[in-house]
Amino acid sequence: MGVEIERKFLLSGEDWRALGEPVLLRQGYLCSDPVRTVRVRIEGEAGVLTIKSKSTGATRGEWEYPIPLPEAQELLDRLCERPLVEKYRRRIAYAGFTWEVDEFLGENAGLMVAEIELPSEDAQFEKPAWVGQEVTGDKRYYNSSLIRFPFSQWTTP
């Protein structure tokens, strides 16, 4: 079984914008049930199908499979729940880890988060100055939640 141990944070300041190369991601959900999600993503010229289990703390099961780009596009266009999640992602190396910084578009414009994948839940890491408040356990920030309750509809982040 694949395992993902990930922590999520809001951003603080704008210094991250000068780091990493932004890549457009388009993703949609074939299933956005809180117990399990099935996601289709196009990142650059690559299609990926991802299955994730419910989170326990910062850990959950994760299985990823490459799929042909035309099939990924067709799934996004014809079968995925709406709205799609679109965002620019920057991968930024810092103190031995890679941070993924997402700047959301469309109905989630204005939302910006940083995620870090860790080898264990108790792994120590250094936060860059542009990483702010942790939101790991807040389900509103799950990408699968953003299709049902987009950031543009929130009254308070």
N, C-alpha and C. Protein backbone atom coordinates (compact mmCIF):
# COMPACT_ATOMS: atom_id res chain seq x y z
N MET A 1 0.84 -1.19 0.00
CA MET A 1 0.00 0.00 0.00
C MET A 1 0.87 1.24 0.00
N GLY A 2 0.50 2.23 -0.81
CA GLY A 2 1.19 3.51 -0.80
C GLY A 2 0.73 4.32 0.40
N VAL A 3 1.62 5.11 0.94
CA VAL A 3 1.29 5.95 2.09
C VAL A 3 1.75 7.37 1.82
N GLU A 4 0.90 8.32 2.16
CA GLU A 4 1.23 9.74 2.05
C GLU A 4 1.15 10.34 3.45
N ILE A 5 2.23 10.98 3.87
CA ILE A 5 2.25 11.71 5.13
C ILE A 5 2.53 13.16 4.75
N GLU A 6 1.51 13.99 4.91
CA GLU A 6 1.58 15.35 4.38
C GLU A 6 1.03 16.34 5.40
N ARG A 7 1.72 17.47 5.51
CA ARG A 7 1.21 18.56 6.33
C ARG A 7 1.01 19.78 5.44
N LYS A 8 -0.03 20.56 5.78
CA LYS A 8 -0.46 21.67 4.92
C LYS A 8 -0.47 22.96 5.74
N PHE A 9 -0.03 24.06 5.09
CA PHE A 9 0.10 25.36 5.75
C PHE A 9 -0.40 26.46 4.83
N LEU A 10 -0.87 27.53 5.43
CA LEU A 10 -1.14 28.74 4.68
C LEU A 10 0.18 29.44 4.41
N LEU A 11 0.19 30.35 3.47
CA LEU A 11 1.41 31.09 3.15
C LEU A 11 1.43 32.41 3.90
N SER A 12 2.63 32.90 4.10
CA SER A 12 2.85 34.17 4.78
C SER A 12 3.79 35.00 3.92
N GLY A 13 3.31 36.10 3.41
CA GLY A 13 4.16 36.93 2.55
C GLY A 13 4.17 36.45 1.12
N GLU A 14 5.05 37.05 0.33
CA GLU A 14 5.09 36.79 -1.11
C GLU A 14 6.44 36.25 -1.59
N ASP A 15 7.39 36.01 -0.69
CA ASP A 15 8.74 35.61 -1.09
C ASP A 15 8.75 34.30 -1.90
N TRP A 16 7.80 33.43 -1.69
CA TRP A 16 7.73 32.15 -2.40
C TRP A 16 7.54 32.35 -3.91
N ARG A 17 6.98 33.48 -4.31
CA ARG A 17 6.69 33.72 -5.74
C ARG A 17 7.97 33.74 -6.59
N ALA A 18 9.09 34.08 -6.00
CA ALA A 18 10.35 34.14 -6.75
C ALA A 18 11.04 32.78 -6.82
N LEU A 19 10.44 31.76 -6.21
CA LEU A 19 11.06 30.44 -6.12
C LEU A 19 10.29 29.41 -6.93
N GLY A 20 10.97 28.50 -7.54
CA GLY A 20 10.31 27.43 -8.28
C GLY A 20 9.64 27.93 -9.54
N GLU A 21 9.36 27.02 -10.43
CA GLU A 21 8.71 27.32 -11.70
C GLU A 21 7.25 26.91 -11.61
N PRO A 22 6.30 27.83 -11.84
CA PRO A 22 4.89 27.45 -11.75
C PRO A 22 4.47 26.53 -12.90
N VAL A 23 3.75 25.46 -12.55
CA VAL A 23 3.23 24.51 -13.52
C VAL A 23 1.72 24.43 -13.30
N LEU A 24 0.94 24.50 -14.37
CA LEU A 24 -0.50 24.44 -14.27
C LEU A 24 -0.96 23.01 -14.01
N LEU A 25 -1.82 22.84 -13.01
CA LEU A 25 -2.46 21.56 -12.71
C LEU A 25 -3.96 21.73 -12.88
N ARG A 26 -4.58 20.76 -13.54
CA ARG A 26 -6.04 20.70 -13.64
C ARG A 26 -6.42 19.34 -13.09
N GLN A 27 -7.34 19.34 -12.14
CA GLN A 27 -7.74 18.07 -11.57
C GLN A 27 -9.23 18.05 -11.28
N GLY A 28 -9.77 16.83 -11.33
CA GLY A 28 -11.17 16.63 -11.04
C GLY A 28 -11.34 15.33 -10.29
N TYR A 29 -12.51 15.18 -9.69
CA TYR A 29 -12.78 14.02 -8.85
C TYR A 29 -13.87 13.16 -9.46
N LEU A 30 -13.55 11.87 -9.61
CA LEU A 30 -14.54 10.88 -9.99
C LEU A 30 -15.33 10.46 -8.75
N CYS A 31 -14.69 10.57 -7.59
CA CYS A 31 -15.32 10.29 -6.30
C CYS A 31 -14.68 11.22 -5.26
N SER A 32 -15.51 12.01 -4.58
CA SER A 32 -14.98 12.93 -3.56
C SER A 32 -15.53 12.60 -2.18
N ASP A 33 -15.87 11.34 -1.96
CA ASP A 33 -16.36 10.87 -0.67
C ASP A 33 -15.26 11.09 0.38
N PRO A 34 -15.59 11.56 1.59
CA PRO A 34 -14.56 11.79 2.61
C PRO A 34 -13.78 10.54 3.01
N VAL A 35 -14.35 9.35 2.78
CA VAL A 35 -13.67 8.11 3.14
C VAL A 35 -12.68 7.69 2.06
N ARG A 36 -12.96 8.08 0.80
CA ARG A 36 -12.07 7.72 -0.30
C ARG A 36 -12.24 8.75 -1.42
N THR A 37 -11.15 9.07 -2.08
CA THR A 37 -11.25 9.95 -3.24
C THR A 37 -10.56 9.29 -4.42
N VAL A 38 -11.10 9.57 -5.60
CA VAL A 38 -10.49 9.12 -6.85
C VAL A 38 -10.36 10.37 -7.71
N ARG A 39 -9.11 10.73 -8.02
CA ARG A 39 -8.82 12.00 -8.69
C ARG A 39 -8.12 11.74 -10.02
N VAL A 40 -8.46 12.58 -10.99
CA VAL A 40 -7.75 12.62 -12.27
C VAL A 40 -7.03 13.96 -12.32
N ARG A 41 -5.76 13.94 -12.72
CA ARG A 41 -4.99 15.18 -12.77
C ARG A 41 -4.19 15.23 -14.06
N ILE A 42 -4.11 16.44 -14.61
CA ILE A 42 -3.16 16.71 -15.68
C ILE A 42 -2.19 17.74 -15.13
N GLU A 43 -0.93 17.37 -15.17
CA GLU A 43 0.16 18.26 -14.74
C GLU A 43 1.12 18.38 -15.90
N GLY A 44 1.14 19.57 -16.50
CA GLY A 44 1.95 19.73 -17.70
C GLY A 44 1.39 18.85 -18.80
N GLU A 45 2.16 17.86 -19.25
CA GLU A 45 1.73 16.95 -20.30
C GLU A 45 1.52 15.54 -19.78
N ALA A 46 1.34 15.38 -18.47
CA ALA A 46 1.18 14.05 -17.88
C ALA A 46 -0.19 13.89 -17.23
N GLY A 47 -0.82 12.73 -17.47
CA GLY A 47 -2.08 12.40 -16.82
C GLY A 47 -1.83 11.40 -15.70
N VAL A 48 -2.55 11.56 -14.58
CA VAL A 48 -2.38 10.68 -13.42
C VAL A 48 -3.74 10.40 -12.81
N LEU A 49 -3.97 9.14 -12.44
CA LEU A 49 -5.14 8.74 -11.67
C LEU A 49 -4.66 8.45 -10.26
N THR A 50 -5.29 9.07 -9.26
CA THR A 50 -4.86 8.92 -7.86
C THR A 50 -6.05 8.50 -7.02
N ILE A 51 -5.81 7.50 -6.18
CA ILE A 51 -6.80 7.03 -5.22
C ILE A 51 -6.24 7.28 -3.83
N LYS A 52 -7.04 7.90 -2.95
CA LYS A 52 -6.60 8.20 -1.60
C LYS A 52 -7.63 7.72 -0.59
N SER A 53 -7.15 7.25 0.55
CA SER A 53 -8.03 6.85 1.64
C SER A 53 -8.26 8.02 2.58
N LYS A 54 -9.12 7.84 3.54
CA LYS A 54 -9.37 8.85 4.56
C LYS A 54 -8.09 9.10 5.36
N SER A 55 -7.88 10.35 5.75
CA SER A 55 -6.71 10.72 6.54
C SER A 55 -6.90 10.32 8.00
N THR A 56 -5.81 9.87 8.59
CA THR A 56 -5.72 9.68 10.04
C THR A 56 -4.54 10.52 10.47
N GLY A 57 -4.81 11.66 11.09
CA GLY A 57 -3.74 12.62 11.37
C GLY A 57 -3.26 13.18 10.06
N ALA A 58 -1.96 13.07 9.80
CA ALA A 58 -1.38 13.57 8.54
C ALA A 58 -1.11 12.43 7.56
N THR A 59 -1.61 11.21 7.87
CA THR A 59 -1.31 10.03 7.07
C THR A 59 -2.55 9.47 6.39
N ARG A 60 -2.38 9.02 5.16
CA ARG A 60 -3.44 8.32 4.45
C ARG A 60 -2.84 7.43 3.37
N GLY A 61 -3.62 6.47 2.93
CA GLY A 61 -3.20 5.62 1.83
C GLY A 61 -3.28 6.40 0.53
N GLU A 62 -2.33 6.14 -0.37
CA GLU A 62 -2.31 6.82 -1.66
C GLU A 62 -1.74 5.89 -2.71
N TRP A 63 -2.47 5.79 -3.85
CA TRP A 63 -2.03 4.99 -4.96
C TRP A 63 -2.13 5.85 -6.22
N GLU A 64 -1.04 5.94 -6.99
CA GLU A 64 -1.03 6.78 -8.19
C GLU A 64 -0.63 5.94 -9.40
N TYR A 65 -1.33 6.23 -10.54
CA TYR A 65 -1.09 5.51 -11.77
C TYR A 65 -1.05 6.48 -12.94
N PRO A 66 -0.01 6.43 -13.77
CA PRO A 66 -0.01 7.28 -14.96
C PRO A 66 -1.09 6.80 -15.93
N ILE A 67 -1.76 7.75 -16.59
CA ILE A 67 -2.74 7.42 -17.62
C ILE A 67 -2.44 8.29 -18.84
N PRO A 68 -2.84 7.83 -20.02
CA PRO A 68 -2.57 8.63 -21.23
C PRO A 68 -3.25 10.00 -21.13
N LEU A 69 -2.55 11.02 -21.61
CA LEU A 69 -3.05 12.39 -21.55
C LEU A 69 -4.43 12.55 -22.20
N PRO A 70 -4.70 11.97 -23.37
CA PRO A 70 -6.04 12.13 -23.96
C PRO A 70 -7.15 11.54 -23.07
N GLU A 71 -6.84 10.43 -22.39
CA GLU A 71 -7.84 9.82 -21.50
C GLU A 71 -8.06 10.69 -20.27
N ALA A 72 -6.99 11.25 -19.73
CA ALA A 72 -7.12 12.16 -18.59
C ALA A 72 -7.98 13.36 -18.96
N GLN A 73 -7.74 13.90 -20.15
CA GLN A 73 -8.52 15.05 -20.61
C GLN A 73 -9.99 14.69 -20.77
N GLU A 74 -10.26 13.53 -21.34
CA GLU A 74 -11.65 13.10 -21.52
C GLU A 74 -12.35 12.89 -20.19
N LEU A 75 -11.67 12.30 -19.23
CA LEU A 75 -12.25 12.11 -17.89
C LEU A 75 -12.57 13.45 -17.24
N LEU A 76 -11.64 14.41 -17.35
CA LEU A 76 -11.88 15.74 -16.79
C LEU A 76 -13.08 16.41 -17.47
N ASP A 77 -13.16 16.29 -18.78
CA ASP A 77 -14.22 16.95 -19.54
C ASP A 77 -15.60 16.31 -19.35
N ARG A 78 -15.63 14.97 -19.21
CA ARG A 78 -16.92 14.28 -19.28
C ARG A 78 -17.42 13.67 -17.97
N LEU A 79 -16.52 13.26 -17.07
CA LEU A 79 -16.97 12.49 -15.91
C LEU A 79 -16.72 13.11 -14.55
N CYS A 80 -15.79 14.02 -14.46
CA CYS A 80 -15.42 14.55 -13.14
C CYS A 80 -16.46 15.52 -12.60
N GLU A 81 -16.58 15.52 -11.27
CA GLU A 81 -17.46 16.46 -10.57
C GLU A 81 -16.99 17.88 -10.86
N ARG A 82 -17.90 18.81 -10.74
CA ARG A 82 -17.61 20.22 -10.99
C ARG A 82 -17.69 21.01 -9.71
N PRO A 83 -16.93 22.08 -9.58
CA PRO A 83 -15.97 22.59 -10.56
C PRO A 83 -14.66 21.80 -10.50
N LEU A 84 -13.90 21.86 -11.58
CA LEU A 84 -12.55 21.30 -11.54
C LEU A 84 -11.69 22.18 -10.63
N VAL A 85 -10.64 21.60 -10.10
CA VAL A 85 -9.68 22.37 -9.31
C VAL A 85 -8.51 22.69 -10.22
N GLU A 86 -8.24 23.99 -10.38
CA GLU A 86 -7.12 24.42 -11.20
C GLU A 86 -6.20 25.27 -10.34
N LYS A 87 -4.90 25.07 -10.52
CA LYS A 87 -3.94 25.79 -9.69
C LYS A 87 -2.57 25.75 -10.35
N TYR A 88 -1.75 26.72 -9.95
CA TYR A 88 -0.34 26.69 -10.30
C TYR A 88 0.42 26.12 -9.13
N ARG A 89 1.32 25.18 -9.42
CA ARG A 89 2.13 24.56 -8.37
C ARG A 89 3.59 24.88 -8.61
N ARG A 90 4.25 25.25 -7.52
CA ARG A 90 5.70 25.43 -7.52
C ARG A 90 6.29 24.39 -6.56
N ARG A 91 7.34 23.71 -7.00
CA ARG A 91 8.07 22.79 -6.11
C ARG A 91 9.33 23.52 -5.68
N ILE A 92 9.48 23.67 -4.36
CA ILE A 92 10.57 24.48 -3.83
C ILE A 92 11.37 23.65 -2.83
N ALA A 93 12.64 23.44 -3.12
CA ALA A 93 13.52 22.71 -2.21
C ALA A 93 13.93 23.65 -1.08
N TYR A 94 13.84 23.11 0.16
CA TYR A 94 14.22 23.91 1.33
C TYR A 94 14.60 22.97 2.47
N ALA A 95 15.81 23.10 2.97
CA ALA A 95 16.31 22.39 4.15
C ALA A 95 16.06 20.88 4.07
N GLY A 96 16.34 20.29 2.90
CA GLY A 96 16.26 18.84 2.77
C GLY A 96 14.90 18.29 2.38
N PHE A 97 13.90 19.14 2.21
CA PHE A 97 12.56 18.70 1.80
C PHE A 97 12.10 19.51 0.59
N THR A 98 11.09 19.00 -0.08
CA THR A 98 10.47 19.74 -1.17
C THR A 98 9.10 20.21 -0.73
N TRP A 99 8.89 21.51 -0.80
CA TRP A 99 7.60 22.11 -0.51
C TRP A 99 6.84 22.27 -1.81
N GLU A 100 5.55 21.95 -1.81
CA GLU A 100 4.69 22.18 -2.96
C GLU A 100 3.79 23.35 -2.60
N VAL A 101 3.94 24.42 -3.35
CA VAL A 101 3.17 25.64 -3.11
C VAL A 101 2.12 25.78 -4.20
N ASP A 102 0.86 25.81 -3.79
CA ASP A 102 -0.25 25.88 -4.73
C ASP A 102 -0.95 27.22 -4.65
N GLU A 103 -1.14 27.83 -5.82
CA GLU A 103 -1.91 29.06 -5.96
C GLU A 103 -3.13 28.71 -6.81
N PHE A 104 -4.30 28.71 -6.17
CA PHE A 104 -5.52 28.24 -6.81
C PHE A 104 -6.10 29.28 -7.75
N LEU A 105 -6.86 28.79 -8.73
CA LEU A 105 -7.49 29.62 -9.75
C LEU A 105 -9.00 29.41 -9.72
N GLY A 106 -9.70 30.12 -10.59
CA GLY A 106 -11.14 29.93 -10.74
C GLY A 106 -11.90 30.23 -9.46
N GLU A 107 -12.82 29.34 -9.09
CA GLU A 107 -13.66 29.55 -7.91
C GLU A 107 -12.87 29.48 -6.61
N ASN A 108 -11.62 29.03 -6.68
CA ASN A 108 -10.76 28.96 -5.49
C ASN A 108 -9.64 30.00 -5.52
N ALA A 109 -9.75 30.97 -6.44
CA ALA A 109 -8.74 32.02 -6.54
C ALA A 109 -8.62 32.75 -5.21
N GLY A 110 -7.38 33.06 -4.85
CA GLY A 110 -7.10 33.73 -3.58
C GLY A 110 -6.57 32.77 -2.53
N LEU A 111 -6.81 31.48 -2.72
CA LEU A 111 -6.31 30.47 -1.78
C LEU A 111 -4.90 30.07 -2.20
N MET A 112 -3.98 30.09 -1.24
CA MET A 112 -2.60 29.71 -1.48
C MET A 112 -2.12 28.89 -0.29
N VAL A 113 -1.61 27.68 -0.56
CA VAL A 113 -1.16 26.79 0.50
C VAL A 113 0.19 26.18 0.14
N ALA A 114 0.89 25.73 1.18
CA ALA A 114 2.14 25.01 1.01
C ALA A 114 1.99 23.66 1.70
N GLU A 115 2.46 22.60 1.03
CA GLU A 115 2.40 21.25 1.58
C GLU A 115 3.80 20.67 1.61
N ILE A 116 4.02 19.82 2.60
CA ILE A 116 5.29 19.11 2.69
C ILE A 116 4.98 17.64 2.97
N GLU A 117 5.61 16.75 2.19
CA GLU A 117 5.48 15.31 2.44
C GLU A 117 6.65 14.88 3.30
N LEU A 118 6.33 14.06 4.31
CA LEU A 118 7.31 13.68 5.31
C LEU A 118 7.48 12.16 5.36
N PRO A 119 8.63 11.67 5.84
CA PRO A 119 8.84 10.23 5.94
C PRO A 119 8.09 9.60 7.12
N SER A 120 7.72 10.42 8.12
CA SER A 120 6.96 9.93 9.27
C SER A 120 6.21 11.11 9.88
N GLU A 121 5.16 10.83 10.65
CA GLU A 121 4.37 11.92 11.23
C GLU A 121 5.18 12.77 12.21
N ASP A 122 6.19 12.16 12.85
CA ASP A 122 6.97 12.92 13.83
C ASP A 122 8.29 13.46 13.26
N ALA A 123 8.44 13.41 11.94
CA ALA A 123 9.65 13.93 11.30
C ALA A 123 9.80 15.43 11.58
N GLN A 124 11.01 15.83 11.88
CA GLN A 124 11.31 17.24 12.12
C GLN A 124 11.66 17.91 10.80
N PHE A 125 11.24 19.16 10.65
CA PHE A 125 11.56 19.92 9.45
C PHE A 125 11.58 21.39 9.81
N GLU A 126 12.27 22.14 8.97
CA GLU A 126 12.37 23.59 9.15
C GLU A 126 11.39 24.27 8.20
N LYS A 127 10.61 25.19 8.74
CA LYS A 127 9.67 25.94 7.91
C LYS A 127 10.36 27.17 7.33
N PRO A 128 10.17 27.41 6.02
CA PRO A 128 10.65 28.66 5.43
C PRO A 128 9.88 29.84 6.02
N ALA A 129 10.43 31.03 5.92
CA ALA A 129 9.78 32.23 6.47
C ALA A 129 8.43 32.49 5.82
N TRP A 130 8.20 32.02 4.59
CA TRP A 130 6.96 32.27 3.87
C TRP A 130 5.86 31.24 4.19
N VAL A 131 6.13 30.32 5.11
CA VAL A 131 5.13 29.34 5.55
C VAL A 131 4.53 29.82 6.86
N GLY A 132 3.19 29.90 6.89
CA GLY A 132 2.47 30.42 8.06
C GLY A 132 1.73 29.34 8.82
N GLN A 133 0.49 29.63 9.16
CA GLN A 133 -0.35 28.80 10.02
C GLN A 133 -0.59 27.41 9.42
N GLU A 134 -0.51 26.38 10.26
CA GLU A 134 -0.80 25.02 9.81
C GLU A 134 -2.31 24.79 9.73
N VAL A 135 -2.74 24.12 8.65
CA VAL A 135 -4.16 23.81 8.45
C VAL A 135 -4.34 22.32 8.08
N THR A 136 -3.39 21.48 8.51
CA THR A 136 -3.40 20.07 8.13
C THR A 136 -4.73 19.39 8.42
N GLY A 137 -5.31 19.58 9.57
CA GLY A 137 -6.54 18.86 9.92
C GLY A 137 -7.82 19.54 9.49
N ASP A 138 -7.73 20.70 8.87
CA ASP A 138 -8.92 21.46 8.48
C ASP A 138 -9.40 20.97 7.12
N LYS A 139 -10.52 20.25 7.11
CA LYS A 139 -11.04 19.62 5.89
C LYS A 139 -11.42 20.62 4.80
N ARG A 140 -11.67 21.88 5.16
CA ARG A 140 -12.00 22.89 4.15
C ARG A 140 -10.89 23.02 3.11
N TYR A 141 -9.65 22.76 3.52
CA TYR A 141 -8.50 22.94 2.64
C TYR A 141 -8.20 21.71 1.79
N TYR A 142 -8.93 20.60 1.97
CA TYR A 142 -8.74 19.44 1.12
C TYR A 142 -9.20 19.82 -0.29
N ASN A 143 -8.43 19.46 -1.28
CA ASN A 143 -8.82 19.75 -2.66
C ASN A 143 -10.19 19.15 -2.98
N SER A 144 -10.47 17.96 -2.46
CA SER A 144 -11.76 17.33 -2.72
C SER A 144 -12.91 18.09 -2.06
N SER A 145 -12.65 18.86 -1.02
CA SER A 145 -13.68 19.70 -0.39
C SER A 145 -13.91 20.98 -1.18
N LEU A 146 -12.88 21.44 -1.88
CA LEU A 146 -12.98 22.70 -2.61
C LEU A 146 -13.92 22.63 -3.81
N ILE A 147 -14.29 21.42 -4.24
CA ILE A 147 -15.27 21.32 -5.32
C ILE A 147 -16.69 21.52 -4.79
N ARG A 148 -16.92 21.16 -3.53
CA ARG A 148 -18.25 21.34 -2.93
C ARG A 148 -18.42 22.70 -2.28
N PHE A 149 -17.33 23.22 -1.75
CA PHE A 149 -17.37 24.50 -1.03
C PHE A 149 -16.13 25.31 -1.40
N PRO A 150 -16.14 25.93 -2.60
CA PRO A 150 -14.97 26.68 -3.09
C PRO A 150 -14.60 27.84 -2.17
N PHE A 151 -13.35 28.19 -2.21
CA PHE A 151 -12.80 29.26 -1.38
C PHE A 151 -13.56 30.57 -1.56
N SER A 152 -14.05 30.83 -2.76
CA SER A 152 -14.77 32.08 -3.03
C SER A 152 -16.06 32.18 -2.22
N GLN A 153 -16.54 31.08 -1.67
CA GLN A 153 -17.78 31.08 -0.88
C GLN A 153 -17.52 31.16 0.62
N TRP A 154 -16.26 31.09 1.03
CA TRP A 154 -15.95 31.14 2.47
C TRP A 154 -16.17 32.55 2.99
N THR A 155 -16.65 32.66 4.22
CA THR A 155 -16.76 33.98 4.84
C THR A 155 -15.50 34.32 5.62
N THR A 156 -14.84 33.29 6.19
CA THR A 156 -13.56 33.49 6.89
C THR A 156 -12.65 32.31 6.59
N PRO A 157 -11.42 32.58 6.15
CA PRO A 157 -10.46 31.48 5.91
C PRO A 157 -9.97 30.88 7.21
